[in-house]
Amino acid sequence: MKDKDRGNGKAKKTITATELKSNLGMYLDYVMDDNEVVITKNGKKAVRLAPYITDYDRYFAIKEKALDYQYGGKKVSYEEFMEIYEKSDLRMEFINGEIVLLGSPSTTHQEISGNLYVVLREYLKGKQCKVFYAPFDVHFHKQGFKEPDVMQPDLIIACDVDENTNEKGRYMGTPALVVEILSPGTRSKDMVDKLNTFMISGVKEYWIIDPKQEVVLVYGFKDLDVDHFMTYQKQDVIRSYWFADLEVAGSSIFP
């Protein structure tokens, strides 16, 4: 019997027909855990056992794979990305010359985003700055790079909306504060790639919210470098680096 990693956290076993007959129940349980079993007969691959999925689930699985193949990870220019983006209904970002497809957020993610939006909107009443929530495109022009990154942060505070909105009503400025809420699929990009983009494109402050650990990481940027870093727990009061009077109770953010 041989085990092989399928590259997505699941595995595939290759066994003989005799092994299947002797341990049918065990292999059925193995397959029901979303793994595969390949059965050989006379040394040749004969049958594959795979988890049963409905036609409905199969349709969306195939569709998702097709979209990933067509767009996800594809290296294109900024102009090519914008052409693809304008013709597509998909949510996507353009990071370091690569197209990144965005999945649907979880309920916890949306609760946190909604809670923080209400707090920030209340704080900004009567002020020039405005808060926006995803999906909302932002073009980040990184110093030293020819092409910008295009992202849809979970929340932003922008103080330059009036002077940086084009004829199509698209915001083309640089936010003062950016907020990203972590998910398993975006953790590495949010904590590395996006942090670097925000830092060298003129963003003043970046909050990373971890729903699982219930912590908020606050980065402050100055002269295109990290000038400030703080970690806040759910029971703490989160204090902004750039907005001197902005304080948010952690308990008001997390569900």
Protein backbone atom coordinates (compact mmCIF):
# COMPACT_ATOMS: atom_id res chain seq x y z
CA MET A 1 0.00 0.00 0.00
CA LYS A 2 1.36 3.42 -1.01
CA ASP A 3 0.33 6.86 0.24
CA LYS A 4 0.55 9.92 -1.97
CA ASP A 5 -0.21 13.53 -1.07
CA ARG A 6 -2.76 15.06 -3.45
CA GLY A 7 -1.42 18.56 -2.74
CA ASN A 8 -4.53 19.87 -0.98
CA GLY A 9 -4.15 18.34 2.48
CA LYS A 10 -5.75 15.06 1.38
CA ALA A 11 -4.12 11.80 0.35
CA LYS A 12 -4.43 8.97 -2.12
CA LYS A 13 -3.67 5.32 -1.35
CA THR A 14 -2.85 2.64 -3.90
CA ILE A 15 -3.86 -0.88 -2.82
CA THR A 16 -4.45 -4.29 -4.33
CA ALA A 17 -7.87 -5.86 -4.88
CA THR A 18 -7.01 -8.40 -2.16
CA GLU A 19 -6.32 -5.62 0.34
CA LEU A 20 -9.66 -4.04 -0.51
CA LYS A 21 -11.54 -7.30 0.08
CA SER A 22 -9.82 -7.84 3.43
CA ASN A 23 -10.35 -4.29 4.73
CA LEU A 24 -13.35 -2.91 2.85
CA GLY A 25 -14.83 -1.05 5.83
CA MET A 26 -11.54 0.63 6.69
CA TYR A 27 -11.02 1.88 3.13
CA LEU A 28 -14.60 3.13 2.85
CA ASP A 29 -14.04 5.21 6.01
CA TYR A 30 -10.79 6.49 4.52
CA VAL A 31 -12.53 7.60 1.33
CA MET A 32 -15.39 9.24 3.26
CA ASP A 33 -12.76 11.51 4.87
CA ASP A 34 -12.32 13.05 1.38
CA ASN A 35 -9.39 10.86 0.33
CA GLU A 36 -8.95 8.55 -2.65
CA VAL A 37 -8.10 4.87 -3.02
CA VAL A 38 -6.76 3.38 -6.26
CA ILE A 39 -7.21 -0.40 -6.59
CA THR A 40 -4.82 -2.45 -8.70
CA LYS A 41 -5.41 -5.88 -10.25
CA ASN A 42 -2.60 -7.98 -11.64
CA GLY A 43 -0.26 -5.03 -11.12
CA LYS A 44 -2.32 -2.57 -13.15
CA LYS A 45 -4.53 0.28 -11.93
CA ALA A 46 -8.14 -0.84 -12.32
CA VAL A 47 -10.56 1.20 -10.17
CA ARG A 48 -10.56 4.46 -8.21
CA LEU A 49 -12.69 4.98 -5.08
CA ALA A 50 -13.46 8.64 -4.43
CA PRO A 51 -15.89 10.52 -2.15
CA TYR A 52 -19.41 10.85 -3.51
CA ILE A 53 -20.55 14.40 -4.24
CA THR A 54 -23.86 15.53 -5.68
CA ASP A 55 -24.14 16.85 -9.22
CA TYR A 56 -24.76 20.29 -7.70
CA ASP A 57 -21.53 20.20 -5.69
CA ARG A 58 -19.64 18.75 -8.65
CA TYR A 59 -20.79 21.62 -10.88
CA PHE A 60 -19.46 24.28 -8.55
CA ALA A 61 -16.23 22.36 -7.85
CA ILE A 62 -15.52 22.10 -11.58
CA LYS A 63 -16.47 25.74 -12.12
CA GLU A 64 -14.15 26.88 -9.31
CA LYS A 65 -11.24 24.84 -10.70
CA ALA A 66 -11.85 26.25 -14.17
CA LEU A 67 -11.78 29.82 -12.86
CA ASP A 68 -8.60 29.15 -10.88
CA TYR A 69 -7.00 27.70 -13.99
CA GLN A 70 -8.13 30.62 -16.14
CA TYR A 71 -7.25 33.46 -13.78
CA GLY A 72 -5.81 32.49 -10.38
CA GLY A 73 -2.04 32.97 -10.19
CA LYS A 74 -1.84 34.29 -13.75
CA LYS A 75 0.95 36.81 -14.37
CA VAL A 76 -0.30 39.79 -16.35
CA SER A 77 0.38 43.49 -16.75
CA TYR A 78 -1.67 46.14 -14.96
CA GLU A 79 -3.40 47.04 -18.23
CA GLU A 80 -4.24 43.38 -18.92
CA PHE A 81 -5.59 42.96 -15.40
CA MET A 82 -7.86 45.97 -15.72
CA GLU A 83 -9.17 44.67 -19.05
CA ILE A 84 -9.93 41.25 -17.53
CA TYR A 85 -11.40 42.82 -14.40
CA GLU A 86 -13.76 45.14 -16.28
CA LYS A 87 -15.23 42.18 -18.18
CA SER A 88 -15.52 39.81 -15.21
CA ASP A 89 -18.03 39.39 -12.40
CA LEU A 90 -15.39 37.78 -10.19
CA ARG A 91 -13.82 39.48 -7.19
CA MET A 92 -10.10 39.65 -7.83
CA GLU A 93 -6.98 41.52 -6.78
CA PHE A 94 -3.72 42.31 -8.58
CA ILE A 95 -0.69 41.78 -6.32
CA ASN A 96 2.91 41.87 -7.53
CA GLY A 97 1.82 41.30 -11.11
CA GLU A 98 -0.36 38.29 -10.27
CA ILE A 99 -4.14 37.84 -10.32
CA VAL A 100 -5.57 36.67 -6.99
CA LEU A 101 -9.18 35.45 -6.86
CA LEU A 102 -11.14 36.34 -3.72
CA GLY A 103 -13.48 33.87 -2.05
CA SER A 104 -16.65 34.56 -0.10
CA PRO A 105 -16.06 35.74 3.49
CA SER A 106 -17.30 33.83 6.54
CA THR A 107 -20.10 35.00 8.81
CA THR A 108 -17.57 35.87 11.55
CA HIS A 109 -15.57 37.91 9.05
CA GLN A 110 -18.67 39.85 8.06
CA GLU A 111 -19.72 40.46 11.66
CA ILE A 112 -16.31 41.91 12.50
CA SER A 113 -16.29 44.05 9.37
CA GLY A 114 -19.79 45.35 10.06
CA ASN A 115 -19.07 46.08 13.72
CA LEU A 116 -15.91 48.03 12.93
CA TYR A 117 -17.56 49.91 10.08
CA VAL A 118 -20.25 51.21 12.43
CA VAL A 119 -17.61 52.35 14.95
CA LEU A 120 -15.47 54.08 12.31
CA ARG A 121 -18.45 55.74 10.64
CA GLU A 122 -19.54 57.19 13.97
CA TYR A 123 -16.00 58.43 14.68
CA LEU A 124 -15.76 60.14 11.27
CA LYS A 125 -19.03 62.11 11.56
CA GLY A 126 -18.31 65.75 10.77
CA LYS A 127 -14.78 64.95 9.54
CA GLN A 128 -13.33 65.14 6.03
CA CYS A 129 -12.28 61.48 5.98
CA LYS A 130 -14.65 58.67 4.94
CA VAL A 131 -14.83 54.96 5.67
CA PHE A 132 -15.48 52.38 2.91
CA TYR A 133 -15.90 48.61 3.03
CA ALA A 134 -15.24 45.82 0.51
CA PRO A 135 -15.73 45.30 -2.32
CA PHE A 136 -14.07 48.65 -3.01
CA ASP A 137 -11.07 48.86 -5.35
CA VAL A 138 -7.94 50.70 -4.27
CA HIS A 139 -4.93 51.21 -6.56
CA PHE A 140 -1.75 51.22 -4.45
CA HIS A 141 1.17 52.90 -6.21
CA LYS A 142 4.33 51.45 -4.65
CA GLN A 143 7.45 53.57 -4.65
CA GLY A 144 10.01 52.14 -7.08
CA PHE A 145 7.47 50.03 -8.98
CA LYS A 146 6.08 50.81 -12.41
CA GLU A 147 2.71 49.13 -11.90
CA PRO A 148 0.36 49.54 -8.94
CA ASP A 149 -1.28 46.75 -6.95
CA VAL A 150 -5.07 46.67 -7.02
CA MET A 151 -6.75 45.40 -3.86
CA GLN A 152 -10.10 45.29 -2.10
CA PRO A 153 -9.27 45.84 1.59
CA ASP A 154 -11.98 44.87 4.05
CA LEU A 155 -12.16 48.48 5.33
CA ILE A 156 -10.34 51.72 4.59
CA ILE A 157 -10.38 55.28 5.85
CA ALA A 158 -9.66 57.71 3.02
CA CYS A 159 -9.09 61.43 3.55
CA ASP A 160 -8.46 62.35 -0.09
CA VAL A 161 -11.68 61.16 -1.76
CA ASP A 162 -12.83 64.48 -3.23
CA GLU A 163 -9.59 65.22 -5.06
CA ASN A 164 -8.88 61.61 -6.10
CA THR A 165 -12.12 60.33 -7.61
CA ASN A 166 -12.03 59.99 -11.41
CA GLU A 167 -14.73 60.62 -13.99
CA LYS A 168 -16.04 57.05 -13.57
CA GLY A 169 -16.54 57.58 -9.83
CA ARG A 170 -13.57 55.34 -8.97
CA TYR A 171 -11.39 56.21 -6.00
CA MET A 172 -7.74 56.55 -7.13
CA GLY A 173 -6.12 57.94 -3.98
CA THR A 174 -4.18 56.43 -1.08
CA PRO A 175 -6.05 55.51 2.13
CA ALA A 176 -4.76 56.74 5.47
CA LEU A 177 -5.82 53.54 7.26
CA VAL A 178 -6.36 50.03 5.86
CA VAL A 179 -7.98 47.09 7.68
CA GLU A 180 -7.74 43.43 6.68
CA ILE A 181 -9.53 40.59 8.49
CA LEU A 182 -7.57 37.34 8.30
CA SER A 183 -8.94 34.13 6.85
CA PRO A 184 -7.07 30.83 6.28
CA GLY A 185 -6.75 31.53 2.57
CA THR A 186 -5.46 35.11 2.89
CA ARG A 187 -3.30 34.98 6.03
CA SER A 188 0.12 34.95 4.35
CA LYS A 189 -0.78 37.63 1.78
CA ASP A 190 -2.36 39.90 4.42
CA MET A 191 0.60 39.61 6.79
CA VAL A 192 3.43 39.80 4.25
CA ASP A 193 2.60 40.90 0.71
CA LYS A 194 -0.12 43.40 1.56
CA LEU A 195 1.76 44.82 4.54
CA ASN A 196 4.70 45.55 2.25
CA THR A 197 2.47 47.10 -0.41
CA PHE A 198 0.70 49.38 2.07
CA MET A 199 3.98 50.40 3.69
CA ILE A 200 5.69 51.53 0.47
CA SER A 201 2.64 53.12 -1.16
CA GLY A 202 2.05 55.84 1.43
CA VAL A 203 -0.57 54.25 3.70
CA LYS A 204 -0.20 55.63 7.23
CA GLU A 205 -1.66 52.77 9.26
CA TYR A 206 -2.58 49.10 8.83
CA TRP A 207 -4.75 46.96 11.10
CA ILE A 208 -4.68 43.17 10.85
CA ILE A 209 -7.59 41.52 12.65
CA ASP A 210 -7.30 37.85 13.58
CA PRO A 211 -10.79 36.44 14.27
CA LYS A 212 -9.46 33.12 15.57
CA GLN A 213 -7.07 34.58 18.15
CA GLU A 214 -9.26 37.66 18.71
CA VAL A 215 -6.33 40.05 18.42
CA VAL A 216 -5.69 43.21 16.42
CA LEU A 217 -2.22 44.07 15.11
CA VAL A 218 -1.67 47.78 14.51
CA TYR A 219 1.17 48.93 12.25
CA GLY A 220 2.14 52.57 11.82
CA PHE A 221 4.22 53.64 8.81
CA LYS A 222 6.56 56.59 8.44
CA ASP A 223 8.97 57.33 5.58
CA LEU A 224 7.86 54.07 3.88
CA ASP A 225 8.95 51.97 6.86
CA VAL A 226 7.41 50.51 10.03
CA ASP A 227 7.44 53.17 12.75
CA HIS A 228 5.00 51.60 15.21
CA PHE A 229 3.65 48.17 16.13
CA MET A 230 1.19 47.12 18.82
CA THR A 231 -0.83 43.98 19.58
CA TYR A 232 -4.26 44.38 21.18
CA GLN A 233 -6.45 41.69 22.76
CA LYS A 234 -10.25 41.58 22.72
CA GLN A 235 -10.39 43.11 26.23
CA ASP A 236 -8.11 46.04 25.27
CA VAL A 237 -8.85 49.45 23.85
CA ILE A 238 -7.29 49.72 20.40
CA ARG A 239 -5.57 53.06 19.81
CA SER A 240 -4.87 54.37 16.35
CA TYR A 241 -1.37 55.37 15.30
CA TRP A 242 -2.39 58.03 12.77
CA PHE A 243 -5.71 59.30 14.15
CA ALA A 244 -4.80 60.65 17.57
CA ASP A 245 -8.31 60.53 19.05
CA LEU A 246 -9.46 57.23 17.53
CA GLU A 247 -9.97 54.55 20.20
CA VAL A 248 -11.93 51.34 19.65
CA ALA A 249 -12.93 48.82 22.31
CA GLY A 250 -11.86 45.36 21.18
CA SER A 251 -15.05 43.91 22.63
CA SER A 252 -17.07 46.06 20.23
CA ILE A 253 -15.41 44.45 17.21
CA PHE A 254 -15.43 40.71 17.88
CA PRO A 255 -18.73 38.80 17.88
